[in-house]
Amino acid sequence: MAFDVAPLPGQDSFGAVVTGLSIDSIDDAAVRKALNDLWIDKGLVVFRGVEGIDAQVRLSAVFGQPVEHYLKAADWKPAHPLLTDIEYDDTTGEGDLYEIDGKLVGAWLPWHSDAAFAAEINHGGILRPVELPAGDGGRTGFIDQIAAYAALPEHLKERIEGLKVLYFYDTDSSQAKFGWRADRLVRLSAKMDMARKHKTVRARSIHPLVYTQPETGRKVLNISPWWADAIEGMENEEGDALLREVIDHCIDPVRAYFHTWSLDDMVLWDNWRLIHCACGVPAGSRRHMHRTTIVGDYGLGRLEETAKEARFAS
């Protein structure tokens, strides 16, 4: 075997740790297939001892075509066209700043799946640290929604079968309607401010609340707490209560893996299956990550016909 595989620490339902992988070995078709099969099976893969921009881009291509970020602005100048810089630096005003439980926290993001607010959802991404602050380096959390669905009470499985969720993009996560949220937005980064005005996020998206992973037949609880707006056809108290119950079940901390970063880590996740969050860093810290986006669409989303322009008045 061209690499070694170990379980994800503290998890037995998803995830794997890969060590001993030489980046040049991924040119071998058998290695590429083994890596892709591992990703589909486990959903999250932590690569240890693989470093650098070239390695990140080449490794991403094993799992699909890396593409520019879907909300990328013309004046973003990343180190590589297929990379997105995720930065927090108070000296330059880079990165969002929130107040959470009386503390200022930078680079914080609540539980979500990327692009849930769009009709097409990218298949995944690889995240790699460039600069980490002292302490835990700003941990990143992941929850497997195959395991979350399997643990749902039967009465909830029956109630949500066939339902669809409406999503709407809001960059201020303290205004999230459901799930974990900050108390107050202190500063919105220039990048996020540009993203909220992007032409692709003017209408709500619609996605099934449950779908089946095609390769395995396993059911996935397909919910992104951040950006969830309502259940289609149930935009009322009953629908919101049902959605809140499902989300509270999904984001139970017992289901989460929180990754503590080292500079030689890369983390790959299946965005059709996992939700993730960023625990943030203390104000005054510096943190810099590189992220690739792996193209794809599971083919089950669509947009509402009417744009919500009024939501962008400010």
Protein backbone atom coordinates (compact mmCIF):
# COMPACT_ATOMS: atom_id res chain seq x y z
CA MET A 1 0.00 0.00 0.00
CA ALA A 2 1.31 3.46 -0.95
CA PHE A 3 0.01 4.99 2.29
CA ASP A 4 -1.14 4.04 5.78
CA VAL A 5 -4.68 4.56 7.12
CA ALA A 6 -5.70 4.96 10.77
CA PRO A 7 -9.06 5.84 12.36
CA LEU A 8 -9.93 9.44 13.10
CA PRO A 9 -9.19 10.08 16.80
CA GLY A 10 -12.31 9.72 18.92
CA GLN A 11 -14.58 8.74 16.01
CA ASP A 12 -15.73 5.35 14.82
CA SER A 13 -18.47 6.41 12.38
CA PHE A 14 -16.50 8.55 9.90
CA GLY A 15 -13.09 9.91 9.01
CA ALA A 16 -9.56 8.57 8.52
CA VAL A 17 -5.95 9.70 8.94
CA VAL A 18 -3.53 9.07 6.08
CA THR A 19 0.23 9.02 6.64
CA GLY A 20 3.18 7.98 4.51
CA LEU A 21 1.70 9.33 1.27
CA SER A 22 4.26 10.56 -1.27
CA ILE A 23 2.71 13.23 -3.46
CA ASP A 24 4.32 11.71 -6.56
CA SER A 25 2.56 8.39 -5.89
CA ILE A 26 -0.81 9.93 -6.70
CA ASP A 27 0.06 9.69 -10.40
CA ASP A 28 -0.55 5.94 -10.02
CA ALA A 29 -4.13 5.04 -10.99
CA ALA A 30 -4.42 2.43 -8.23
CA VAL A 31 -3.37 4.94 -5.57
CA ARG A 32 -5.83 7.52 -6.87
CA LYS A 33 -8.66 4.99 -6.80
CA ALA A 34 -7.77 3.87 -3.27
CA LEU A 35 -7.75 7.47 -2.04
CA ASN A 36 -11.05 8.28 -3.72
CA ASP A 37 -12.69 5.12 -2.35
CA LEU A 38 -11.47 6.06 1.14
CA TRP A 39 -13.00 9.54 0.77
CA ILE A 40 -16.38 8.20 -0.31
CA ASP A 41 -16.37 5.64 2.50
CA LYS A 42 -15.15 7.89 5.34
CA GLY A 43 -16.16 11.41 4.25
CA LEU A 44 -13.21 13.13 5.94
CA VAL A 45 -9.50 12.42 5.38
CA VAL A 46 -6.70 14.02 7.38
CA PHE A 47 -3.40 13.90 5.47
CA ARG A 48 -0.30 14.23 7.62
CA GLY A 49 3.15 15.08 6.28
CA VAL A 50 1.97 16.48 2.92
CA GLU A 51 2.94 20.13 2.49
CA GLY A 52 2.93 22.97 -0.03
CA ILE A 53 0.74 24.65 -2.63
CA ASP A 54 1.63 22.29 -5.47
CA ALA A 55 0.89 19.23 -3.34
CA GLN A 56 -2.46 20.66 -2.26
CA VAL A 57 -3.59 21.40 -5.82
CA ARG A 58 -2.37 18.03 -7.15
CA LEU A 59 -3.99 16.13 -4.29
CA SER A 60 -7.28 17.97 -4.79
CA ALA A 61 -7.33 16.83 -8.43
CA VAL A 62 -7.44 13.19 -7.28
CA PHE A 63 -11.01 13.77 -6.08
CA GLY A 64 -12.31 16.02 -8.84
CA GLN A 65 -11.44 19.16 -10.76
CA PRO A 66 -10.28 22.01 -8.49
CA VAL A 67 -12.01 25.27 -9.42
CA GLU A 68 -11.92 28.92 -8.40
CA HIS A 69 -14.10 29.76 -5.43
CA TYR A 70 -17.72 30.35 -6.52
CA LEU A 71 -17.92 33.79 -4.82
CA LYS A 72 -14.42 34.92 -5.77
CA ALA A 73 -14.11 38.64 -6.54
CA ALA A 74 -12.01 39.90 -9.44
CA ASP A 75 -9.50 41.65 -7.19
CA TRP A 76 -8.71 38.60 -5.01
CA LYS A 77 -5.06 37.70 -5.64
CA PRO A 78 -4.37 34.24 -4.18
CA ALA A 79 -1.01 32.50 -4.29
CA HIS A 80 -2.43 30.15 -6.95
CA PRO A 81 -5.52 30.60 -9.17
CA LEU A 82 -7.15 27.52 -7.65
CA LEU A 83 -6.57 28.56 -4.03
CA THR A 84 -8.71 30.67 -1.75
CA ASP A 85 -6.97 32.57 1.03
CA ILE A 86 -8.82 32.40 4.35
CA GLU A 87 -7.14 34.99 6.56
CA TYR A 88 -7.61 36.65 9.91
CA ASP A 89 -5.36 39.58 10.81
CA ASP A 90 -6.47 42.50 13.00
CA THR A 91 -3.59 44.68 11.80
CA THR A 92 -5.03 44.73 8.28
CA GLY A 93 -8.71 44.34 9.18
CA GLU A 94 -8.78 41.01 7.36
CA GLY A 95 -11.36 38.52 8.57
CA ASP A 96 -14.68 38.67 10.41
CA LEU A 97 -14.85 39.49 14.12
CA TYR A 98 -17.72 38.41 16.40
CA GLU A 99 -18.65 38.67 20.05
CA ILE A 100 -19.43 35.26 21.57
CA ASP A 101 -20.21 34.86 25.28
CA GLY A 102 -18.63 38.23 26.02
CA LYS A 103 -15.38 37.48 24.13
CA LEU A 104 -14.14 38.79 20.78
CA VAL A 105 -13.53 35.89 18.41
CA GLY A 106 -12.07 36.17 14.91
CA ALA A 107 -12.40 33.82 11.95
CA TRP A 108 -15.46 32.12 13.46
CA LEU A 109 -18.01 30.27 11.34
CA PRO A 110 -21.07 28.31 12.53
CA TRP A 111 -22.03 24.84 11.31
CA HIS A 112 -22.68 24.77 7.56
CA SER A 113 -22.10 23.01 4.27
CA ASP A 114 -20.50 25.13 1.58
CA ALA A 115 -22.77 26.64 -1.09
CA ALA A 116 -26.01 25.37 0.46
CA PHE A 117 -27.41 28.74 -0.63
CA ALA A 118 -26.73 27.88 -4.31
CA ALA A 119 -28.43 25.45 -6.67
CA GLU A 120 -25.17 23.56 -7.29
CA ILE A 121 -23.14 22.36 -4.32
CA ASN A 122 -19.40 21.70 -4.77
CA HIS A 123 -18.28 18.21 -3.85
CA GLY A 124 -15.63 19.16 -1.32
CA GLY A 125 -12.40 20.89 -0.55
CA ILE A 126 -8.96 20.60 0.99
CA LEU A 127 -7.89 22.98 3.75
CA ARG A 128 -4.21 23.58 4.61
CA PRO A 129 -2.67 25.93 7.19
CA VAL A 130 -0.10 28.55 6.17
CA GLU A 131 0.16 30.42 9.49
CA LEU A 132 -1.37 29.38 12.80
CA PRO A 133 -1.80 31.33 16.04
CA ALA A 134 -0.59 30.03 19.38
CA GLY A 135 -2.78 27.60 21.27
CA ASP A 136 -5.02 25.26 19.33
CA GLY A 137 -4.56 27.18 16.06
CA GLY A 138 -8.24 27.77 15.54
CA ARG A 139 -9.80 24.32 15.40
CA THR A 140 -12.12 23.22 12.59
CA GLY A 141 -15.12 21.02 13.43
CA PHE A 142 -16.76 18.37 11.25
CA ILE A 143 -20.00 16.39 11.65
CA ASP A 144 -20.99 13.39 9.52
CA GLN A 145 -24.60 13.58 8.36
CA ILE A 146 -24.80 9.91 7.43
CA ALA A 147 -24.24 9.09 11.10
CA ALA A 148 -26.61 11.90 12.11
CA TYR A 149 -29.38 10.48 9.95
CA ALA A 150 -28.82 6.95 11.25
CA ALA A 151 -29.24 8.25 14.82
CA LEU A 152 -32.49 10.12 14.11
CA PRO A 153 -35.55 8.81 15.95
CA GLU A 154 -37.82 6.87 13.60
CA HIS A 155 -40.67 9.35 13.99
CA LEU A 156 -38.41 12.17 12.75
CA LYS A 157 -37.19 10.09 9.81
CA GLU A 158 -40.80 9.60 8.79
CA ARG A 159 -41.72 13.28 9.21
CA ILE A 160 -38.84 14.67 7.12
CA GLU A 161 -38.92 12.15 4.27
CA GLY A 162 -39.57 14.02 1.02
CA LEU A 163 -39.27 17.50 2.56
CA LYS A 164 -37.12 20.26 1.09
CA VAL A 165 -35.30 23.15 2.78
CA LEU A 166 -35.06 26.76 1.61
CA TYR A 167 -31.69 28.50 2.07
CA PHE A 168 -30.71 32.14 1.80
CA TYR A 169 -27.19 33.62 1.92
CA ASP A 170 -26.47 35.96 4.82
CA THR A 171 -22.86 36.79 5.62
CA ASP A 172 -23.66 37.91 9.19
CA SER A 173 -23.82 34.57 10.99
CA SER A 174 -25.12 36.21 14.18
CA GLN A 175 -28.40 36.55 12.28
CA ALA A 176 -28.68 32.82 11.52
CA LYS A 177 -32.20 31.58 12.11
CA PHE A 178 -31.16 28.12 13.29
CA GLY A 179 -28.26 26.42 15.01
CA TRP A 180 -25.14 27.77 16.67
CA ARG A 181 -24.68 31.53 16.23
CA ALA A 182 -22.62 34.42 17.58
CA ASP A 183 -24.10 37.10 19.84
CA ARG A 184 -23.01 40.05 17.71
CA LEU A 185 -21.12 40.90 14.53
CA VAL A 186 -18.32 43.38 15.29
CA ARG A 187 -16.59 43.54 11.89
CA LEU A 188 -17.38 42.03 8.50
CA SER A 189 -14.37 41.53 6.24
CA ALA A 190 -14.21 43.23 2.87
CA LYS A 191 -14.25 39.81 1.16
CA MET A 192 -17.45 38.78 2.90
CA ASP A 193 -19.04 42.13 2.15
CA MET A 194 -18.29 41.62 -1.55
CA ALA A 195 -19.57 38.04 -1.41
CA ARG A 196 -22.98 39.08 -0.06
CA LYS A 197 -23.48 41.27 -3.16
CA HIS A 198 -22.56 38.52 -5.62
CA LYS A 199 -25.13 38.00 -8.37
CA THR A 200 -25.39 34.25 -7.69
CA VAL A 201 -26.92 34.65 -4.22
CA ARG A 202 -29.99 36.76 -5.01
CA ALA A 203 -32.56 33.97 -4.71
CA ARG A 204 -33.17 31.21 -2.20
CA SER A 205 -31.98 27.70 -3.02
CA ILE A 206 -34.03 24.57 -2.43
CA HIS A 207 -32.51 21.22 -1.42
CA PRO A 208 -33.92 17.93 -0.13
CA LEU A 209 -33.68 17.41 3.61
CA VAL A 210 -32.62 13.80 3.04
CA TYR A 211 -30.87 12.24 0.07
CA THR A 212 -29.13 8.94 -0.71
CA GLN A 213 -25.37 8.68 -1.27
CA PRO A 214 -25.30 7.09 -4.74
CA GLU A 215 -22.12 5.05 -4.27
CA THR A 216 -23.25 3.32 -1.06
CA GLY A 217 -27.02 3.69 -0.73
CA ARG A 218 -26.62 5.31 2.69
CA LYS A 219 -29.03 8.12 3.58
CA VAL A 220 -27.65 11.58 4.35
CA LEU A 221 -29.28 14.18 6.60
CA ASN A 222 -28.83 17.02 4.13
CA ILE A 223 -29.05 20.16 6.29
CA SER A 224 -26.86 23.26 6.59
CA PRO A 225 -27.81 25.10 9.82
CA TRP A 226 -26.28 28.39 8.63
CA TRP A 227 -28.42 29.77 5.76
CA ALA A 228 -31.41 27.49 6.46
CA ASP A 229 -34.51 29.67 6.11
CA ALA A 230 -37.53 27.35 6.19
CA ILE A 231 -39.05 24.10 5.01
CA GLU A 232 -40.61 24.49 1.58
CA GLY A 233 -44.39 24.60 1.93
CA MET A 234 -44.10 24.91 5.75
CA GLU A 235 -42.97 28.52 6.26
CA ASN A 236 -44.71 28.70 9.61
CA GLU A 237 -44.15 27.92 13.28
CA GLU A 238 -44.73 24.20 12.79
CA GLY A 239 -42.17 23.97 10.00
CA ASP A 240 -39.60 26.03 11.89
CA ALA A 241 -40.05 23.88 14.99
CA LEU A 242 -39.48 20.71 12.97
CA LEU A 243 -36.39 22.15 11.28
CA ARG A 244 -35.02 23.33 14.63
CA GLU A 245 -35.50 19.86 16.12
CA VAL A 246 -33.64 18.24 13.23
CA ILE A 247 -30.80 20.78 13.35
CA ASP A 248 -30.41 20.50 17.11
CA HIS A 249 -30.08 16.74 16.68
CA CYS A 250 -27.56 17.15 13.86
CA ILE A 251 -25.20 19.56 15.67
CA ASP A 252 -25.11 17.70 18.98
CA PRO A 253 -21.41 18.01 20.00
CA VAL A 254 -21.25 14.26 20.63
CA ARG A 255 -21.27 13.83 16.83
CA ALA A 256 -18.40 16.25 16.15
CA TYR A 257 -14.72 15.84 15.39
CA PHE A 258 -12.65 18.98 16.04
CA HIS A 259 -9.35 19.08 14.19
CA THR A 260 -6.37 20.71 15.90
CA TRP A 261 -4.05 21.90 13.14
CA SER A 262 -0.37 21.26 12.50
CA LEU A 263 1.47 22.99 9.67
CA ASP A 264 2.01 19.71 7.81
CA ASP A 265 -1.73 18.82 7.76
CA MET A 266 -4.20 18.86 4.91
CA VAL A 267 -7.87 18.01 5.54
CA LEU A 268 -10.21 16.80 2.79
CA TRP A 269 -13.96 16.70 3.39
CA ASP A 270 -17.01 15.58 1.42
CA ASN A 271 -19.24 18.66 1.32
CA TRP A 272 -22.23 16.59 0.18
CA ARG A 273 -22.04 14.63 3.41
CA LEU A 274 -20.36 16.66 6.17
CA ILE A 275 -21.05 20.01 7.77
CA HIS A 276 -18.16 21.97 9.25
CA CYS A 277 -17.47 24.99 11.44
CA ALA A 278 -14.53 27.21 12.42
CA CYS A 279 -14.09 27.64 16.18
CA GLY A 280 -12.25 30.94 15.68
CA VAL A 281 -9.22 32.59 17.27
CA PRO A 282 -8.77 35.33 19.88
CA ALA A 283 -8.87 38.91 18.61
CA GLY A 284 -5.32 40.06 17.87
CA SER A 285 -4.26 36.67 16.50
CA ARG A 286 -3.08 35.91 12.98
CA ARG A 287 -4.33 32.88 11.06
CA HIS A 288 -3.93 32.06 7.37
CA MET A 289 -5.31 29.00 5.57
CA HIS A 290 -5.32 27.88 1.93
CA ARG A 291 -8.41 26.13 0.64
CA THR A 292 -9.17 24.40 -2.65
CA THR A 293 -12.70 23.82 -3.94
CA ILE A 294 -13.50 20.55 -5.73
CA VAL A 295 -16.12 20.90 -8.42
CA GLY A 296 -19.24 18.84 -8.57
CA ASP A 297 -22.99 18.88 -8.09
CA TYR A 298 -25.16 16.18 -6.59
CA GLY A 299 -27.92 17.34 -8.93
CA LEU A 300 -30.78 17.77 -6.46
CA GLY A 301 -30.85 21.53 -5.87
CA ARG A 302 -32.66 24.38 -7.60
CA LEU A 303 -33.38 28.08 -7.11
CA GLU A 304 -36.63 29.85 -6.37
CA GLU A 305 -37.91 31.78 -9.35
CA THR A 306 -38.20 35.07 -7.43
CA ALA A 307 -35.06 36.86 -6.25
CA LYS A 308 -35.05 38.40 -2.79
CA GLU A 309 -33.55 41.76 -3.75
CA ALA A 310 -34.99 43.50 -0.68
CA ARG A 311 -32.65 41.46 1.52
CA PHE A 312 -29.72 43.32 -0.07
CA ALA A 313 -30.97 46.84 0.45
CA SER A 314 -28.30 47.59 3.05
